[in-house]
Amino acid sequence: MAERKRVVLVCDECGARNYETTRKATETTRLTIKKFCPACSRHTVHRESK
């Protein structure tokens, strides 16, 4: 079974760190998901922080 890595998702609009999730440790690209941002009060793109 592949090992999982914990990542934090950051809103592209305001920079708030709203969500924490996991992904495969072998994945090379940064995770991008559209999720609700409580700070912006709307759905925005959230990217994996470094």
PDB file of N, CA and C in Angstrom:
ATOM      1  N   MET A   1       0.838  -1.189   0.000  1.00  0.00           N
ATOM      2  CA  MET A   1       0.000   0.000   0.000  1.00  0.00           C
ATOM      3  C   MET A   1       0.883   1.252   0.000  1.00  0.00           C
ATOM      4  N   ALA A   2       0.471   2.253  -0.772  1.00  0.00           N
ATOM      5  CA  ALA A   2       1.246   3.489  -0.888  1.00  0.00           C
ATOM      6  C   ALA A   2       1.149   4.318   0.393  1.00  0.00           C
ATOM      7  N   GLU A   3       2.237   4.965   0.723  1.00  0.00           N
ATOM      8  CA  GLU A   3       2.268   5.820   1.899  1.00  0.00           C
ATOM      9  C   GLU A   3       1.544   7.134   1.600  1.00  0.00           C
ATOM     10  N   ARG A   4       0.877   7.702   2.606  1.00  0.00           N
ATOM     11  CA  ARG A   4       0.132   8.942   2.449  1.00  0.00           C
ATOM     12  C   ARG A   4       0.869  10.096   3.120  1.00  0.00           C
ATOM     13  N   LYS A   5       0.755  11.287   2.544  1.00  0.00           N
ATOM     14  CA  LYS A   5       1.407  12.481   3.060  1.00  0.00           C
ATOM     15  C   LYS A   5       0.323  13.492   3.445  1.00  0.00           C
ATOM     16  N   ARG A   6       0.466  14.122   4.613  1.00  0.00           N
ATOM     17  CA  ARG A   6      -0.499  15.114   5.067  1.00  0.00           C
ATOM     18  C   ARG A   6      -0.169  16.465   4.428  1.00  0.00           C
ATOM     19  N   VAL A   7      -1.174  17.141   3.863  1.00  0.00           N
ATOM     20  CA  VAL A   7      -0.977  18.436   3.213  1.00  0.00           C
ATOM     21  C   VAL A   7      -2.020  19.439   3.712  1.00  0.00           C
ATOM     22  N   VAL A   8      -1.669  20.719   3.646  1.00  0.00           N
ATOM     23  CA  VAL A   8      -2.569  21.804   4.019  1.00  0.00           C
ATOM     24  C   VAL A   8      -2.993  22.521   2.750  1.00  0.00           C
ATOM     25  N   LEU A   9      -4.294  22.839   2.634  1.00  0.00           N
ATOM     26  CA  LEU A   9      -4.809  23.535   1.462  1.00  0.00           C
ATOM     27  C   LEU A   9      -4.998  25.010   1.775  1.00  0.00           C
ATOM     28  N   VAL A  10      -4.532  25.869   0.859  1.00  0.00           N
ATOM     29  CA  VAL A  10      -4.568  27.320   1.035  1.00  0.00           C
ATOM     30  C   VAL A  10      -5.445  27.926  -0.054  1.00  0.00           C
ATOM     31  N   CYS A  11      -6.305  28.868   0.334  1.00  0.00           N
ATOM     32  CA  CYS A  11      -7.182  29.571  -0.611  1.00  0.00           C
ATOM     33  C   CYS A  11      -6.343  30.454  -1.533  1.00  0.00           C
ATOM     34  N   ASP A  12      -6.609  30.395  -2.850  1.00  0.00           N
ATOM     35  CA  ASP A  12      -5.897  31.235  -3.821  1.00  0.00           C
ATOM     36  C   ASP A  12      -6.281  32.701  -3.694  1.00  0.00           C
ATOM     37  N   GLU A  13      -7.510  32.984  -3.282  1.00  0.00           N
ATOM     38  CA  GLU A  13      -8.008  34.355  -3.211  1.00  0.00           C
ATOM     39  C   GLU A  13      -7.454  35.115  -2.011  1.00  0.00           C
ATOM     40  N   CYS A  14      -7.606  34.545  -0.800  1.00  0.00           N
ATOM     41  CA  CYS A  14      -7.256  35.297   0.414  1.00  0.00           C
ATOM     42  C   CYS A  14      -6.050  34.728   1.164  1.00  0.00           C
ATOM     43  N   GLY A  15      -5.601  33.521   0.827  1.00  0.00           N
ATOM     44  CA  GLY A  15      -4.433  32.936   1.482  1.00  0.00           C
ATOM     45  C   GLY A  15      -4.718  32.240   2.792  1.00  0.00           C
ATOM     46  N   ALA A  16      -5.996  32.076   3.141  1.00  0.00           N
ATOM     47  CA  ALA A  16      -6.364  31.409   4.395  1.00  0.00           C
ATOM     48  C   ALA A  16      -6.087  29.907   4.293  1.00  0.00           C
ATOM     49  N   ARG A  17      -5.575  29.334   5.380  1.00  0.00           N
ATOM     50  CA  ARG A  17      -5.314  27.887   5.436  1.00  0.00           C
ATOM     51  C   ARG A  17      -6.531  27.223   6.054  1.00  0.00           C
ATOM     52  N   ASN A  18      -7.438  26.720   5.200  1.00  0.00           N
ATOM     53  CA  ASN A  18      -8.734  26.250   5.653  1.00  0.00           C
ATOM     54  C   ASN A  18      -8.839  24.743   5.836  1.00  0.00           C
ATOM     55  N   TYR A  19      -8.151  23.967   5.038  1.00  0.00           N
ATOM     56  CA  TYR A  19      -8.368  22.522   5.022  1.00  0.00           C
ATOM     57  C   TYR A  19      -7.061  21.760   5.137  1.00  0.00           C
ATOM     58  N   GLU A  20      -7.159  20.546   5.676  1.00  0.00           N
ATOM     59  CA  GLU A  20      -6.030  19.626   5.779  1.00  0.00           C
ATOM     60  C   GLU A  20      -6.503  18.291   5.228  1.00  0.00           C
ATOM     61  N   THR A  21      -5.693  17.670   4.379  1.00  0.00           N
ATOM     62  CA  THR A  21      -6.063  16.408   3.764  1.00  0.00           C
ATOM     63  C   THR A  21      -4.812  15.567   3.551  1.00  0.00           C
ATOM     64  N   THR A  22      -4.957  14.413   2.908  1.00  0.00           N
ATOM     65  CA  THR A  22      -3.812  13.552   2.612  1.00  0.00           C
ATOM     66  C   THR A  22      -3.771  13.264   1.119  1.00  0.00           C
ATOM     67  N   ARG A  23      -2.579  12.879   0.667  1.00  0.00           N
ATOM     68  CA  ARG A  23      -2.397  12.459  -0.728  1.00  0.00           C
ATOM     69  C   ARG A  23      -1.268  11.450  -0.782  1.00  0.00           C
ATOM     70  N   LYS A  24      -1.086  10.815  -1.927  1.00  0.00           N
ATOM     71  CA  LYS A  24      -0.003   9.852  -2.090  1.00  0.00           C
ATOM     72  C   LYS A  24       1.346  10.558  -1.958  1.00  0.00           C
ATOM     73  N   ALA A  25       2.277   9.942  -1.278  1.00  0.00           N
ATOM     74  CA  ALA A  25       3.607  10.530  -1.090  1.00  0.00           C
ATOM     75  C   ALA A  25       4.399  10.539  -2.396  1.00  0.00           C
ATOM     76  N   THR A  26       4.068   9.666  -3.324  1.00  0.00           N
ATOM     77  CA  THR A  26       4.797   9.574  -4.589  1.00  0.00           C
ATOM     78  C   THR A  26       4.331  10.585  -5.621  1.00  0.00           C
ATOM     79  N   GLU A  27       3.214  11.268  -5.368  1.00  0.00           N
ATOM     80  CA  GLU A  27       2.665  12.258  -6.292  1.00  0.00           C
ATOM     81  C   GLU A  27       3.602  13.460  -6.383  1.00  0.00           C
ATOM     82  N   THR A  28       3.880  13.948  -7.602  1.00  0.00           N
ATOM     83  CA  THR A  28       4.848  15.036  -7.776  1.00  0.00           C
ATOM     84  C   THR A  28       4.175  16.400  -7.971  1.00  0.00           C
ATOM     85  N   THR A  29       2.943  16.436  -8.494  1.00  0.00           N
ATOM     86  CA  THR A  29       2.266  17.711  -8.716  1.00  0.00           C
ATOM     87  C   THR A  29       1.537  18.166  -7.462  1.00  0.00           C
ATOM     88  N   ARG A  30       1.352  19.483  -7.340  1.00  0.00           N
ATOM     89  CA  ARG A  30       0.653  20.026  -6.179  1.00  0.00           C
ATOM     90  C   ARG A  30      -0.852  19.835  -6.337  1.00  0.00           C
ATOM     91  N   LEU A  31      -1.517  19.462  -5.254  1.00  0.00           N
ATOM     92  CA  LEU A  31      -2.945  19.186  -5.240  1.00  0.00           C
ATOM     93  C   LEU A  31      -3.731  20.485  -5.400  1.00  0.00           C
ATOM     94  N   THR A  32      -4.774  20.479  -6.249  1.00  0.00           N
ATOM     95  CA  THR A  32      -5.645  21.632  -6.464  1.00  0.00           C
ATOM     96  C   THR A  32      -7.090  21.164  -6.387  1.00  0.00           C
ATOM     97  N   ILE A  33      -7.880  21.776  -5.493  1.00  0.00           N
ATOM     98  CA  ILE A  33      -9.276  21.409  -5.298  1.00  0.00           C
ATOM     99  C   ILE A  33     -10.106  22.683  -5.146  1.00  0.00           C
ATOM    100  N   LYS A  34     -11.316  22.681  -5.691  1.00  0.00           N
ATOM    101  CA  LYS A  34     -12.221  23.806  -5.494  1.00  0.00           C
ATOM    102  C   LYS A  34     -13.086  23.496  -4.270  1.00  0.00           C
ATOM    103  N   LYS A  35     -12.964  24.334  -3.216  1.00  0.00           N
ATOM    104  CA  LYS A  35     -13.673  24.115  -1.959  1.00  0.00           C
ATOM    105  C   LYS A  35     -14.217  25.440  -1.435  1.00  0.00           C
ATOM    106  N   PHE A  36     -15.105  25.355  -0.445  1.00  0.00           N
ATOM    107  CA  PHE A  36     -15.680  26.554   0.158  1.00  0.00           C
ATOM    108  C   PHE A  36     -14.671  27.200   1.100  1.00  0.00           C
ATOM    109  N   CYS A  37     -14.488  28.510   0.969  1.00  0.00           N
ATOM    110  CA  CYS A  37     -13.600  29.262   1.856  1.00  0.00           C
ATOM    111  C   CYS A  37     -14.463  30.088   2.807  1.00  0.00           C
ATOM    112  N   PRO A  38     -14.403  29.800   4.123  1.00  0.00           N
ATOM    113  CA  PRO A  38     -15.199  30.565   5.081  1.00  0.00           C
ATOM    114  C   PRO A  38     -14.788  32.042   5.144  1.00  0.00           C
ATOM    115  N   ALA A  39     -13.536  32.357   4.890  1.00  0.00           N
ATOM    116  CA  ALA A  39     -13.064  33.738   4.940  1.00  0.00           C
ATOM    117  C   ALA A  39     -13.616  34.554   3.759  1.00  0.00           C
ATOM    118  N   CYS A  40     -13.687  33.937   2.574  1.00  0.00           N
ATOM    119  CA  CYS A  40     -14.204  34.616   1.383  1.00  0.00           C
ATOM    120  C   CYS A  40     -15.724  34.473   1.254  1.00  0.00           C
ATOM    121  N   SER A  41     -16.300  33.515   1.957  1.00  0.00           N
ATOM    122  CA  SER A  41     -17.742  33.197   1.913  1.00  0.00           C
ATOM    123  C   SER A  41     -18.201  32.743   0.532  1.00  0.00           C
ATOM    124  N   ARG A  42     -17.320  32.011  -0.181  1.00  0.00           N
ATOM    125  CA  ARG A  42     -17.688  31.445  -1.480  1.00  0.00           C
ATOM    126  C   ARG A  42     -16.731  30.320  -1.842  1.00  0.00           C
ATOM    127  N   HIS A  43     -17.037  29.600  -2.917  1.00  0.00           N
ATOM    128  CA  HIS A  43     -16.188  28.520  -3.383  1.00  0.00           C
ATOM    129  C   HIS A  43     -15.017  29.100  -4.169  1.00  0.00           C
ATOM    130  N   THR A  44     -13.806  28.698  -3.812  1.00  0.00           N
ATOM    131  CA  THR A  44     -12.602  29.167  -4.489  1.00  0.00           C
ATOM    132  C   THR A  44     -11.653  27.988  -4.689  1.00  0.00           C
ATOM    133  N   VAL A  45     -10.625  28.191  -5.487  1.00  0.00           N
ATOM    134  CA  VAL A  45      -9.609  27.165  -5.711  1.00  0.00           C
ATOM    135  C   VAL A  45      -8.671  27.141  -4.502  1.00  0.00           C
ATOM    136  N   HIS A  46      -8.433  25.959  -3.972  1.00  0.00           N
ATOM    137  CA  HIS A  46      -7.497  25.766  -2.869  1.00  0.00           C
ATOM    138  C   HIS A  46      -6.338  24.904  -3.373  1.00  0.00           C
ATOM    139  N   ARG A  47      -5.129  25.326  -3.100  1.00  0.00           N
ATOM    140  CA  ARG A  47      -3.938  24.595  -3.550  1.00  0.00           C
ATOM    141  C   ARG A  47      -3.135  24.104  -2.362  1.00  0.00           C
ATOM    142  N   GLU A  48      -2.385  23.064  -2.596  1.00  0.00           N
ATOM    143  CA  GLU A  48      -1.488  22.513  -1.565  1.00  0.00           C
ATOM    144  C   GLU A  48      -0.379  23.523  -1.270  1.00  0.00           C
ATOM    145  N   SER A  49      -0.162  23.818   0.010  1.00  0.00           N
ATOM    146  CA  SER A  49       0.913  24.743   0.384  1.00  0.00           C
ATOM    147  C   SER A  49       2.226  24.006   0.425  1.00  0.00           C
ATOM    148  N   LYS A  50       3.321  24.765   0.362  1.00  0.00           N
ATOM    149  CA  LYS A  50       4.650  24.151   0.388  1.00  0.00           C
ATOM    150  C   LYS A  50       5.056  23.830   1.799  1.00  0.00           C
TER     151      LYS A  50
END
